[in-house]
Amino acid sequence: MGVKWNEMEVAIIYYSMYGHIAKLAQSIKAGVESQGLKADLYQIRETLPQEVLDKMQAPPKDESIPYATPQTLLDYDAFLFGFPTRYGNQPAQVRAFWDATGQVWAAGGAHGKIAGTFFSTASLGGGQETTALSFVTTLTHHGIAYVPFGYAKAFAQLTSTTEFRGGSAWGAGTIAAGDGSRQPSAAELEIAKIQGTTFAQFAKRLAPLPRE
């Protein structure tokens, strides 16, 4: 039995230490919902001890946002994953989440679903593309189809050189600076909303999707 496009549910799953990714996630959510799809926010659990987080001056997590579990991959039809980069790859917190999804993987629970990515880096050359590229292998093993952002719906924004900003054909992005002091700009939040919009439009084209 297929699910109708207006019954599709999108989970926006993110890890955010300093709040940059969380802000992008809110804009992406607005974009998804503008197309009539249901979108829910989930955060990935912290793995660092509080003592370390305090030394890193990381603010408290927003406890109003529920935490993602492997079950989340079964409950939703599509996903947008957001996380900061760690040397061009996902942070350990994100890897810990995926390392716990073995039963979902073995059963093919997420097979045939779709996902996109968004991210933050300290600098312009700090992994705005490689972070997403390295994540595709995880999606591939789960049989989740990767949906790139592309340029078609945000060509002017992605090719503009009027300001320093993140984001690429791989997804929305922000530049946080080495100390995390730079927050997402209006342009970066606009790109994030466009990504949410275009992702939802793509998801609707795939309906009806089988929901087991």
N, C-alpha and C. Protein backbone atom coordinates (compact mmCIF):
# COMPACT_ATOMS: atom_id res chain seq x y z
N MET A 1 0.85 -1.19 0.00
CA MET A 1 0.00 0.00 0.00
C MET A 1 0.88 1.24 0.00
N GLY A 2 0.73 2.09 -0.96
CA GLY A 2 1.55 3.29 -1.06
C GLY A 2 1.02 4.40 -0.17
N VAL A 3 1.93 5.30 0.23
CA VAL A 3 1.54 6.46 1.01
C VAL A 3 1.37 7.64 0.05
N LYS A 4 0.29 8.38 0.21
CA LYS A 4 0.04 9.54 -0.62
C LYS A 4 1.02 10.66 -0.23
N TRP A 5 1.29 11.55 -1.19
CA TRP A 5 2.29 12.57 -0.93
C TRP A 5 1.95 13.41 0.29
N ASN A 6 0.65 13.70 0.49
CA ASN A 6 0.28 14.53 1.63
C ASN A 6 0.25 13.76 2.94
N GLU A 7 0.61 12.48 2.89
CA GLU A 7 0.75 11.69 4.11
C GLU A 7 2.22 11.42 4.42
N MET A 8 3.11 11.87 3.53
CA MET A 8 4.54 11.64 3.74
C MET A 8 5.03 12.43 4.94
N GLU A 9 5.95 11.83 5.69
CA GLU A 9 6.51 12.47 6.87
C GLU A 9 8.03 12.53 6.73
N VAL A 10 8.58 13.70 7.00
CA VAL A 10 10.01 13.94 6.87
C VAL A 10 10.60 14.16 8.26
N ALA A 11 11.68 13.45 8.57
CA ALA A 11 12.41 13.67 9.81
C ALA A 11 13.68 14.46 9.51
N ILE A 12 13.85 15.56 10.21
CA ILE A 12 15.07 16.36 10.10
C ILE A 12 15.91 16.03 11.32
N ILE A 13 16.95 15.26 11.08
CA ILE A 13 17.76 14.70 12.17
C ILE A 13 19.12 15.40 12.16
N TYR A 14 19.49 15.99 13.29
CA TYR A 14 20.72 16.78 13.30
C TYR A 14 21.49 16.65 14.61
N TYR A 15 22.77 16.93 14.52
CA TYR A 15 23.62 17.11 15.70
C TYR A 15 24.15 18.53 15.65
N SER A 16 24.02 19.26 16.75
CA SER A 16 24.46 20.65 16.79
C SER A 16 25.10 20.93 18.14
N MET A 17 26.38 21.25 18.14
CA MET A 17 27.07 21.55 19.40
C MET A 17 26.86 23.00 19.84
N TYR A 18 26.99 23.93 18.89
CA TYR A 18 26.91 25.35 19.23
C TYR A 18 25.65 26.04 18.69
N GLY A 19 24.76 25.28 18.05
CA GLY A 19 23.49 25.85 17.61
C GLY A 19 23.42 26.22 16.15
N HIS A 20 24.52 26.15 15.42
CA HIS A 20 24.50 26.53 14.01
C HIS A 20 23.61 25.60 13.18
N ILE A 21 23.81 24.32 13.35
CA ILE A 21 23.02 23.34 12.61
C ILE A 21 21.56 23.40 13.03
N ALA A 22 21.30 23.63 14.30
CA ALA A 22 19.92 23.72 14.78
C ALA A 22 19.17 24.86 14.08
N LYS A 23 19.85 25.97 13.85
CA LYS A 23 19.20 27.09 13.16
C LYS A 23 18.93 26.76 11.70
N LEU A 24 19.87 26.10 11.05
CA LEU A 24 19.62 25.68 9.67
C LEU A 24 18.45 24.71 9.62
N ALA A 25 18.37 23.82 10.60
CA ALA A 25 17.30 22.82 10.63
C ALA A 25 15.93 23.47 10.71
N GLN A 26 15.82 24.55 11.46
CA GLN A 26 14.53 25.25 11.57
C GLN A 26 14.12 25.83 10.21
N SER A 27 15.09 26.38 9.47
CA SER A 27 14.78 26.93 8.15
C SER A 27 14.42 25.83 7.16
N ILE A 28 15.12 24.72 7.23
CA ILE A 28 14.80 23.58 6.36
C ILE A 28 13.41 23.07 6.66
N LYS A 29 13.06 22.99 7.93
CA LYS A 29 11.72 22.55 8.33
C LYS A 29 10.65 23.45 7.73
N ALA A 30 10.88 24.76 7.77
CA ALA A 30 9.91 25.70 7.19
C ALA A 30 9.74 25.45 5.70
N GLY A 31 10.84 25.14 5.02
CA GLY A 31 10.76 24.86 3.60
C GLY A 31 9.97 23.61 3.29
N VAL A 32 10.22 22.55 4.05
CA VAL A 32 9.48 21.30 3.85
C VAL A 32 7.99 21.52 4.08
N GLU A 33 7.67 22.20 5.16
CA GLU A 33 6.26 22.42 5.51
C GLU A 33 5.55 23.33 4.53
N SER A 34 6.30 24.19 3.84
CA SER A 34 5.67 25.08 2.84
C SER A 34 5.08 24.29 1.68
N GLN A 35 5.51 23.03 1.53
CA GLN A 35 5.01 22.18 0.45
C GLN A 35 3.94 21.19 0.94
N GLY A 36 3.47 21.40 2.14
CA GLY A 36 2.36 20.59 2.65
C GLY A 36 2.76 19.27 3.28
N LEU A 37 4.07 19.05 3.49
CA LEU A 37 4.51 17.82 4.12
C LEU A 37 4.74 18.03 5.61
N LYS A 38 4.58 16.98 6.36
CA LYS A 38 4.83 17.02 7.79
C LYS A 38 6.32 16.85 8.03
N ALA A 39 6.90 17.71 8.85
CA ALA A 39 8.33 17.65 9.14
C ALA A 39 8.54 17.74 10.65
N ASP A 40 9.32 16.83 11.18
CA ASP A 40 9.63 16.81 12.61
C ASP A 40 11.13 16.91 12.83
N LEU A 41 11.51 17.64 13.85
CA LEU A 41 12.91 17.79 14.21
C LEU A 41 13.33 16.75 15.23
N TYR A 42 14.51 16.19 15.05
CA TYR A 42 15.12 15.28 16.01
C TYR A 42 16.59 15.65 16.15
N GLN A 43 17.11 15.53 17.35
CA GLN A 43 18.54 15.76 17.54
C GLN A 43 19.24 14.45 17.91
N ILE A 44 20.52 14.41 17.62
CA ILE A 44 21.32 13.24 17.93
C ILE A 44 21.99 13.44 19.28
N ARG A 45 22.00 12.41 20.08
CA ARG A 45 22.50 12.51 21.45
C ARG A 45 23.98 12.87 21.51
N GLU A 46 24.30 13.61 22.53
CA GLU A 46 25.69 13.98 22.80
C GLU A 46 26.43 12.77 23.36
N THR A 47 27.69 12.65 23.01
CA THR A 47 28.51 11.56 23.55
C THR A 47 29.65 12.09 24.43
N LEU A 48 29.91 13.38 24.37
CA LEU A 48 30.97 13.96 25.20
C LEU A 48 30.48 14.16 26.63
N PRO A 49 31.33 13.96 27.62
CA PRO A 49 30.93 14.21 29.01
C PRO A 49 30.71 15.70 29.24
N GLN A 50 29.88 16.03 30.22
CA GLN A 50 29.54 17.43 30.48
C GLN A 50 30.78 18.24 30.84
N GLU A 51 31.74 17.64 31.49
CA GLU A 51 32.97 18.34 31.86
C GLU A 51 33.69 18.86 30.62
N VAL A 52 33.72 18.04 29.58
CA VAL A 52 34.36 18.45 28.33
C VAL A 52 33.55 19.53 27.64
N LEU A 53 32.24 19.36 27.62
CA LEU A 53 31.37 20.36 26.99
C LEU A 53 31.50 21.71 27.67
N ASP A 54 31.62 21.69 28.99
CA ASP A 54 31.78 22.94 29.73
C ASP A 54 33.08 23.64 29.33
N LYS A 55 34.15 22.87 29.18
CA LYS A 55 35.43 23.45 28.79
C LYS A 55 35.38 24.00 27.36
N MET A 56 34.53 23.38 26.53
CA MET A 56 34.37 23.84 25.15
C MET A 56 33.36 24.97 25.04
N GLN A 57 32.76 25.34 26.18
CA GLN A 57 31.75 26.40 26.25
C GLN A 57 30.56 26.11 25.33
N ALA A 58 30.19 24.85 25.27
CA ALA A 58 29.03 24.45 24.46
C ALA A 58 27.75 24.76 25.25
N PRO A 59 26.79 25.41 24.63
CA PRO A 59 25.54 25.73 25.34
C PRO A 59 24.71 24.47 25.57
N PRO A 60 23.74 24.53 26.50
CA PRO A 60 22.88 23.37 26.74
C PRO A 60 22.06 23.02 25.49
N LYS A 61 21.74 21.75 25.34
CA LYS A 61 20.89 21.31 24.23
C LYS A 61 19.45 21.76 24.47
N ASP A 62 18.71 21.94 23.40
CA ASP A 62 17.28 22.26 23.47
C ASP A 62 16.52 20.98 23.78
N GLU A 63 16.12 20.82 25.03
CA GLU A 63 15.47 19.57 25.44
C GLU A 63 14.04 19.44 24.93
N SER A 64 13.54 20.48 24.26
CA SER A 64 12.20 20.36 23.66
C SER A 64 12.25 19.56 22.36
N ILE A 65 13.45 19.38 21.81
CA ILE A 65 13.62 18.59 20.59
C ILE A 65 13.91 17.14 20.98
N PRO A 66 13.10 16.17 20.56
CA PRO A 66 13.34 14.78 20.92
C PRO A 66 14.61 14.24 20.29
N TYR A 67 15.11 13.15 20.86
CA TYR A 67 16.32 12.52 20.34
C TYR A 67 15.97 11.41 19.35
N ALA A 68 16.73 11.35 18.28
CA ALA A 68 16.53 10.32 17.26
C ALA A 68 17.01 8.98 17.80
N THR A 69 16.33 7.91 17.39
CA THR A 69 16.72 6.54 17.70
C THR A 69 16.66 5.75 16.39
N PRO A 70 17.17 4.54 16.38
CA PRO A 70 17.03 3.73 15.17
C PRO A 70 15.57 3.60 14.71
N GLN A 71 14.64 3.62 15.64
CA GLN A 71 13.22 3.53 15.28
C GLN A 71 12.79 4.69 14.40
N THR A 72 13.44 5.84 14.57
CA THR A 72 13.10 7.01 13.76
C THR A 72 13.26 6.73 12.27
N LEU A 73 14.25 5.91 11.94
CA LEU A 73 14.47 5.56 10.53
C LEU A 73 13.32 4.72 9.97
N LEU A 74 12.63 4.02 10.85
CA LEU A 74 11.50 3.20 10.42
C LEU A 74 10.20 4.00 10.35
N ASP A 75 10.12 5.04 11.15
CA ASP A 75 8.86 5.77 11.30
C ASP A 75 8.61 6.81 10.22
N TYR A 76 9.67 7.20 9.49
CA TYR A 76 9.53 8.30 8.53
C TYR A 76 9.85 7.84 7.11
N ASP A 77 9.36 8.63 6.17
CA ASP A 77 9.51 8.29 4.75
C ASP A 77 10.75 8.92 4.12
N ALA A 78 11.21 10.02 4.69
CA ALA A 78 12.33 10.77 4.11
C ALA A 78 13.07 11.49 5.22
N PHE A 79 14.33 11.84 4.95
CA PHE A 79 15.17 12.42 5.99
C PHE A 79 16.06 13.53 5.44
N LEU A 80 16.33 14.49 6.29
CA LEU A 80 17.36 15.48 6.04
C LEU A 80 18.29 15.45 7.26
N PHE A 81 19.56 15.13 7.01
CA PHE A 81 20.53 14.97 8.09
C PHE A 81 21.47 16.16 8.11
N GLY A 82 21.63 16.75 9.29
CA GLY A 82 22.52 17.89 9.43
C GLY A 82 23.54 17.68 10.53
N PHE A 83 24.78 18.09 10.27
CA PHE A 83 25.83 17.93 11.27
C PHE A 83 27.04 18.79 10.90
N PRO A 84 27.84 19.15 11.89
CA PRO A 84 29.09 19.84 11.59
C PRO A 84 30.13 18.87 11.08
N THR A 85 31.16 19.39 10.49
CA THR A 85 32.22 18.52 9.98
C THR A 85 33.28 18.25 11.06
N ARG A 86 33.90 17.11 10.94
CA ARG A 86 35.10 16.81 11.72
C ARG A 86 36.14 16.25 10.73
N TYR A 87 37.03 17.11 10.29
CA TYR A 87 38.07 16.71 9.34
C TYR A 87 37.48 16.16 8.05
N GLY A 88 36.42 16.82 7.56
CA GLY A 88 35.80 16.41 6.31
C GLY A 88 34.89 15.22 6.44
N ASN A 89 34.52 14.86 7.66
CA ASN A 89 33.68 13.69 7.90
C ASN A 89 32.63 14.03 8.96
N GLN A 90 31.80 13.07 9.31
CA GLN A 90 30.80 13.30 10.34
C GLN A 90 31.45 13.24 11.72
N PRO A 91 30.90 13.96 12.69
CA PRO A 91 31.43 13.88 14.05
C PRO A 91 31.10 12.54 14.70
N ALA A 92 31.79 12.23 15.78
CA ALA A 92 31.62 10.96 16.47
C ALA A 92 30.19 10.75 16.95
N GLN A 93 29.52 11.82 17.32
CA GLN A 93 28.14 11.70 17.79
C GLN A 93 27.24 11.12 16.69
N VAL A 94 27.45 11.58 15.48
CA VAL A 94 26.65 11.08 14.35
C VAL A 94 27.01 9.64 14.05
N ARG A 95 28.31 9.33 14.12
CA ARG A 95 28.72 7.94 13.87
C ARG A 95 28.14 7.01 14.93
N ALA A 96 28.07 7.47 16.18
CA ALA A 96 27.51 6.64 17.25
C ALA A 96 26.05 6.33 16.97
N PHE A 97 25.32 7.31 16.44
CA PHE A 97 23.91 7.07 16.09
C PHE A 97 23.80 5.97 15.03
N TRP A 98 24.59 6.10 13.97
CA TRP A 98 24.50 5.12 12.89
C TRP A 98 25.03 3.76 13.30
N ASP A 99 26.01 3.74 14.18
CA ASP A 99 26.55 2.46 14.64
C ASP A 99 25.52 1.66 15.42
N ALA A 100 24.48 2.33 15.89
CA ALA A 100 23.42 1.64 16.64
C ALA A 100 22.27 1.18 15.75
N THR A 101 22.40 1.34 14.43
CA THR A 101 21.29 1.01 13.51
C THR A 101 21.48 -0.33 12.82
N GLY A 102 22.28 -1.19 13.40
CA GLY A 102 22.56 -2.48 12.77
C GLY A 102 21.33 -3.31 12.47
N GLN A 103 20.38 -3.35 13.39
CA GLN A 103 19.17 -4.15 13.16
C GLN A 103 18.33 -3.57 12.04
N VAL A 104 18.27 -2.24 11.97
CA VAL A 104 17.54 -1.60 10.86
C VAL A 104 18.21 -1.95 9.54
N TRP A 105 19.54 -1.87 9.52
CA TRP A 105 20.29 -2.20 8.31
C TRP A 105 20.07 -3.65 7.88
N ALA A 106 20.17 -4.58 8.84
CA ALA A 106 20.05 -6.01 8.51
C ALA A 106 18.66 -6.35 7.99
N ALA A 107 17.66 -5.65 8.47
CA ALA A 107 16.29 -5.91 8.05
C ALA A 107 15.87 -5.09 6.83
N GLY A 108 16.76 -4.19 6.38
CA GLY A 108 16.40 -3.32 5.25
C GLY A 108 15.30 -2.34 5.60
N GLY A 109 15.25 -1.94 6.85
CA GLY A 109 14.15 -1.10 7.31
C GLY A 109 14.08 0.27 6.68
N ALA A 110 15.22 0.81 6.25
CA ALA A 110 15.22 2.14 5.64
C ALA A 110 15.43 2.08 4.13
N HIS A 111 15.47 0.87 3.58
CA HIS A 111 15.74 0.69 2.16
C HIS A 111 14.67 1.36 1.31
N GLY A 112 15.10 2.10 0.30
CA GLY A 112 14.16 2.74 -0.61
C GLY A 112 13.70 4.11 -0.18
N LYS A 113 14.13 4.56 0.99
CA LYS A 113 13.78 5.90 1.45
C LYS A 113 14.79 6.90 0.90
N ILE A 114 14.56 8.18 1.12
CA ILE A 114 15.42 9.21 0.55
C ILE A 114 15.96 10.12 1.63
N ALA A 115 17.09 10.77 1.34
CA ALA A 115 17.70 11.66 2.32
C ALA A 115 18.54 12.72 1.64
N GLY A 116 18.64 13.86 2.30
CA GLY A 116 19.54 14.93 1.90
C GLY A 116 20.40 15.33 3.09
N THR A 117 21.33 16.26 2.86
CA THR A 117 22.25 16.67 3.92
C THR A 117 22.40 18.18 4.00
N PHE A 118 22.77 18.65 5.19
CA PHE A 118 23.19 20.04 5.39
C PHE A 118 24.25 20.03 6.48
N PHE A 119 25.06 21.09 6.58
CA PHE A 119 26.26 20.98 7.39
C PHE A 119 26.83 22.34 7.76
N SER A 120 27.78 22.32 8.68
CA SER A 120 28.54 23.52 9.04
C SER A 120 30.01 23.17 9.11
N THR A 121 30.84 24.16 8.79
CA THR A 121 32.29 23.99 8.87
C THR A 121 32.89 25.25 9.49
N ALA A 122 34.14 25.14 9.93
CA ALA A 122 34.80 26.30 10.52
C ALA A 122 35.22 27.31 9.47
N SER A 123 35.54 26.81 8.27
CA SER A 123 36.04 27.68 7.21
C SER A 123 35.43 27.30 5.87
N LEU A 124 35.65 28.13 4.89
CA LEU A 124 35.07 27.89 3.57
C LEU A 124 35.60 26.59 2.96
N GLY A 125 36.87 26.29 3.19
CA GLY A 125 37.45 25.07 2.64
C GLY A 125 37.51 23.94 3.65
N GLY A 126 36.68 24.01 4.68
CA GLY A 126 36.77 23.06 5.77
C GLY A 126 35.93 21.80 5.64
N GLY A 127 35.34 21.57 4.47
CA GLY A 127 34.58 20.34 4.28
C GLY A 127 33.14 20.54 3.86
N GLN A 128 32.83 21.67 3.24
CA GLN A 128 31.46 21.94 2.81
C GLN A 128 30.95 20.90 1.81
N GLU A 129 31.84 20.24 1.10
CA GLU A 129 31.42 19.20 0.15
C GLU A 129 31.84 17.81 0.61
N THR A 130 33.05 17.67 1.14
CA THR A 130 33.53 16.33 1.52
C THR A 130 32.74 15.74 2.68
N THR A 131 32.21 16.59 3.55
CA THR A 131 31.40 16.09 4.67
C THR A 131 30.17 15.36 4.16
N ALA A 132 29.53 15.95 3.17
CA ALA A 132 28.36 15.30 2.57
C ALA A 132 28.76 14.07 1.77
N LEU A 133 29.83 14.20 1.00
CA LEU A 133 30.28 13.09 0.16
C LEU A 133 30.62 11.86 1.01
N SER A 134 31.30 12.06 2.12
CA SER A 134 31.68 10.93 2.97
C SER A 134 30.46 10.28 3.62
N PHE A 135 29.38 11.03 3.75
CA PHE A 135 28.17 10.50 4.38
C PHE A 135 27.37 9.61 3.44
N VAL A 136 27.57 9.79 2.15
CA VAL A 136 26.80 9.01 1.17
C VAL A 136 27.05 7.51 1.32
N THR A 137 28.25 7.12 1.76
CA THR A 137 28.52 5.69 1.94
C THR A 137 27.60 5.07 2.99
N THR A 138 27.32 5.81 4.04
CA THR A 138 26.40 5.31 5.07
C THR A 138 25.00 5.13 4.50
N LEU A 139 24.54 6.12 3.76
CA LEU A 139 23.21 6.00 3.15
C LEU A 139 23.16 4.83 2.18
N THR A 140 24.24 4.65 1.44
CA THR A 140 24.29 3.57 0.45
C THR A 140 24.12 2.20 1.11
N HIS A 141 24.78 1.98 2.21
CA HIS A 141 24.69 0.68 2.88
C HIS A 141 23.30 0.42 3.43
N HIS A 142 22.57 1.49 3.74
CA HIS A 142 21.19 1.33 4.20
C HIS A 142 20.20 1.29 3.04
N GLY A 143 20.67 1.53 1.83
CA GLY A 143 19.76 1.56 0.69
C GLY A 143 18.92 2.81 0.63
N ILE A 144 19.41 3.87 1.26
CA ILE A 144 18.71 5.16 1.26
C ILE A 144 19.24 5.98 0.08
N ALA A 145 18.35 6.45 -0.76
CA ALA A 145 18.75 7.21 -1.95
C ALA A 145 19.10 8.65 -1.56
N TYR A 146 20.27 9.08 -1.99
CA TYR A 146 20.72 10.43 -1.69
C TYR A 146 20.12 11.44 -2.66
N VAL A 147 19.58 12.51 -2.13
CA VAL A 147 18.98 13.57 -2.95
C VAL A 147 19.84 14.83 -2.82
N PRO A 148 20.65 15.15 -3.82
CA PRO A 148 21.48 16.36 -3.73
C PRO A 148 20.63 17.61 -3.86
N PHE A 149 21.15 18.71 -3.35
CA PHE A 149 20.45 19.98 -3.45
C PHE A 149 20.50 20.50 -4.88
N GLY A 150 21.67 20.43 -5.49
CA GLY A 150 21.81 20.94 -6.85
C GLY A 150 21.84 22.46 -6.90
N TYR A 151 21.76 22.97 -8.11
CA TYR A 151 21.81 24.42 -8.33
C TYR A 151 20.49 24.99 -8.89
N ALA A 152 19.63 24.13 -9.40
CA ALA A 152 18.48 24.60 -10.19
C ALA A 152 17.60 25.60 -9.46
N LYS A 153 17.36 25.38 -8.17
CA LYS A 153 16.42 26.24 -7.44
C LYS A 153 17.10 27.32 -6.62
N ALA A 154 18.42 27.33 -6.59
CA ALA A 154 19.13 28.35 -5.81
C ALA A 154 20.39 28.80 -6.53
N PHE A 155 20.32 28.89 -7.84
CA PHE A 155 21.51 29.24 -8.62
C PHE A 155 22.07 30.60 -8.22
N ALA A 156 21.20 31.59 -8.10
CA ALA A 156 21.67 32.94 -7.77
C ALA A 156 22.31 32.97 -6.39
N GLN A 157 21.71 32.26 -5.45
CA GLN A 157 22.23 32.27 -4.08
C GLN A 157 23.56 31.52 -3.98
N LEU A 158 23.66 30.38 -4.65
CA LEU A 158 24.86 29.55 -4.53
C LEU A 158 26.03 30.08 -5.34
N THR A 159 25.76 30.87 -6.35
CA THR A 159 26.85 31.41 -7.18
C THR A 159 27.19 32.85 -6.83
N SER A 160 26.47 33.43 -5.90
CA SER A 160 26.73 34.82 -5.52
C SER A 160 28.08 34.93 -4.81
N THR A 161 28.81 35.99 -5.12
CA THR A 161 30.10 36.26 -4.47
C THR A 161 30.04 37.56 -3.66
N THR A 162 28.85 38.01 -3.34
CA THR A 162 28.72 39.28 -2.62
C THR A 162 28.99 39.13 -1.13
N GLU A 163 28.98 37.91 -0.62
CA GLU A 163 29.28 37.72 0.79
C GLU A 163 29.89 36.35 1.04
N PHE A 164 30.52 36.22 2.17
CA PHE A 164 31.13 34.98 2.63
C PHE A 164 30.03 34.09 3.18
N ARG A 165 29.84 32.87 2.61
CA ARG A 165 28.75 32.02 3.06
C ARG A 165 29.05 30.56 2.79
N GLY A 166 28.28 29.70 3.46
CA GLY A 166 28.38 28.27 3.24
C GLY A 166 27.28 27.79 2.30
N GLY A 167 27.25 26.48 2.08
CA GLY A 167 26.26 25.90 1.19
C GLY A 167 26.87 25.54 -0.16
N SER A 168 26.35 24.48 -0.76
CA SER A 168 26.84 24.03 -2.05
C SER A 168 25.78 23.17 -2.70
N ALA A 169 26.11 22.57 -3.83
CA ALA A 169 25.18 21.67 -4.49
C ALA A 169 24.86 20.45 -3.62
N TRP A 170 25.69 20.19 -2.63
CA TRP A 170 25.47 19.05 -1.73
C TRP A 170 24.42 19.35 -0.67
N GLY A 171 24.21 20.63 -0.38
CA GLY A 171 23.22 20.97 0.63
C GLY A 171 23.49 22.34 1.24
N ALA A 172 22.57 22.79 2.06
CA ALA A 172 22.74 24.06 2.76
C ALA A 172 23.90 23.94 3.74
N GLY A 173 24.52 25.07 4.02
CA GLY A 173 25.64 25.04 4.94
C GLY A 173 25.90 26.41 5.54
N THR A 174 26.68 26.42 6.61
CA THR A 174 27.08 27.67 7.23
C THR A 174 28.55 27.60 7.62
N ILE A 175 29.17 28.75 7.72
CA ILE A 175 30.56 28.86 8.16
C ILE A 175 30.54 29.34 9.60
N ALA A 176 31.02 28.52 10.53
CA ALA A 176 30.89 28.84 11.95
C ALA A 176 32.09 29.57 12.53
N ALA A 177 33.22 29.60 11.81
CA ALA A 177 34.49 30.14 12.30
C ALA A 177 35.11 29.14 13.28
N GLY A 178 36.40 29.25 13.47
CA GLY A 178 37.12 28.28 14.28
C GLY A 178 36.66 28.22 15.72
N ASP A 179 36.14 29.33 16.24
CA ASP A 179 35.67 29.36 17.62
C ASP A 179 34.15 29.28 17.73
N GLY A 180 33.49 29.05 16.60
CA GLY A 180 32.03 28.94 16.61
C GLY A 180 31.30 30.25 16.78
N SER A 181 32.00 31.37 16.63
CA SER A 181 31.40 32.67 16.92
C SER A 181 30.48 33.19 15.82
N ARG A 182 30.67 32.71 14.59
CA ARG A 182 29.83 33.21 13.49
C ARG A 182 28.55 32.38 13.41
N GLN A 183 27.41 33.06 13.40
CA GLN A 183 26.11 32.41 13.30
C GLN A 183 25.61 32.42 11.85
N PRO A 184 24.69 31.52 11.50
CA PRO A 184 24.18 31.48 10.11
C PRO A 184 23.63 32.84 9.67
N SER A 185 24.01 33.24 8.48
CA SER A 185 23.56 34.52 7.93
C SER A 185 22.17 34.37 7.32
N ALA A 186 21.58 35.51 6.97
CA ALA A 186 20.26 35.49 6.32
C ALA A 186 20.34 34.73 5.01
N ALA A 187 21.44 34.89 4.28
CA ALA A 187 21.60 34.19 3.00
C ALA A 187 21.68 32.68 3.21
N GLU A 188 22.41 32.26 4.23
CA GLU A 188 22.53 30.82 4.51
C GLU A 188 21.20 30.22 4.96
N LEU A 189 20.45 30.97 5.74
CA LEU A 189 19.13 30.49 6.18
C LEU A 189 18.16 30.43 5.00
N GLU A 190 18.28 31.38 4.08
CA GLU A 190 17.45 31.35 2.88
C GLU A 190 17.74 30.11 2.05
N ILE A 191 19.03 29.79 1.88
CA ILE A 191 19.41 28.59 1.13
C ILE A 191 18.86 27.35 1.81
N ALA A 192 18.92 27.32 3.13
CA ALA A 192 18.40 26.16 3.87
C ALA A 192 16.90 25.99 3.64
N LYS A 193 16.17 27.09 3.64
CA LYS A 193 14.72 26.99 3.39
C LYS A 193 14.45 26.50 1.97
N ILE A 194 15.24 26.99 1.02
CA ILE A 194 15.06 26.53 -0.37
C ILE A 194 15.34 25.04 -0.47
N GLN A 195 16.38 24.58 0.24
CA GLN A 195 16.66 23.15 0.20
C GLN A 195 15.48 22.34 0.75
N GLY A 196 14.91 22.79 1.88
CA GLY A 196 13.75 22.10 2.42
C GLY A 196 12.60 22.06 1.44
N THR A 197 12.40 23.17 0.74
CA THR A 197 11.32 23.27 -0.25
C THR A 197 11.54 22.30 -1.41
N THR A 198 12.75 22.33 -1.97
CA THR A 198 13.02 21.49 -3.14
C THR A 198 13.07 20.00 -2.77
N PHE A 199 13.54 19.70 -1.57
CA PHE A 199 13.55 18.31 -1.12
C PHE A 199 12.12 17.79 -1.01
N ALA A 200 11.23 18.60 -0.45
CA ALA A 200 9.83 18.20 -0.32
C ALA A 200 9.19 18.02 -1.70
N GLN A 201 9.50 18.90 -2.62
CA GLN A 201 8.96 18.77 -3.97
C GLN A 201 9.42 17.47 -4.62
N PHE A 202 10.68 17.13 -4.42
CA PHE A 202 11.21 15.88 -4.97
C PHE A 202 10.53 14.69 -4.31
N ALA A 203 10.35 14.74 -3.01
CA ALA A 203 9.71 13.64 -2.29
C ALA A 203 8.29 13.41 -2.78
N LYS A 204 7.58 14.48 -3.05
CA LYS A 204 6.19 14.36 -3.53
C LYS A 204 6.13 13.70 -4.90
N ARG A 205 7.17 13.89 -5.71
CA ARG A 205 7.20 13.26 -7.04
C ARG A 205 7.32 11.74 -6.94
N LEU A 206 7.89 11.26 -5.81
CA LEU A 206 8.10 9.83 -5.64
C LEU A 206 6.87 9.12 -5.08
N ALA A 207 5.93 9.85 -4.56
CA ALA A 207 4.72 9.20 -4.00
C ALA A 207 3.92 8.54 -5.13
N PRO A 208 3.24 7.39 -4.88
CA PRO A 208 3.19 6.74 -3.57
C PRO A 208 4.39 5.84 -3.29
N LEU A 209 4.95 6.00 -2.10
CA LEU A 209 6.03 5.16 -1.62
C LEU A 209 5.46 4.02 -0.78
N PRO A 210 6.05 2.84 -0.84
CA PRO A 210 5.57 1.78 0.02
C PRO A 210 5.91 2.05 1.48
N ARG A 211 4.99 1.87 2.35
CA ARG A 211 5.24 2.01 3.78
C ARG A 211 4.92 0.67 4.43
N GLU A 212 5.94 0.00 4.92
CA GLU A 212 5.76 -1.32 5.48
C GLU A 212 5.48 -1.26 6.98
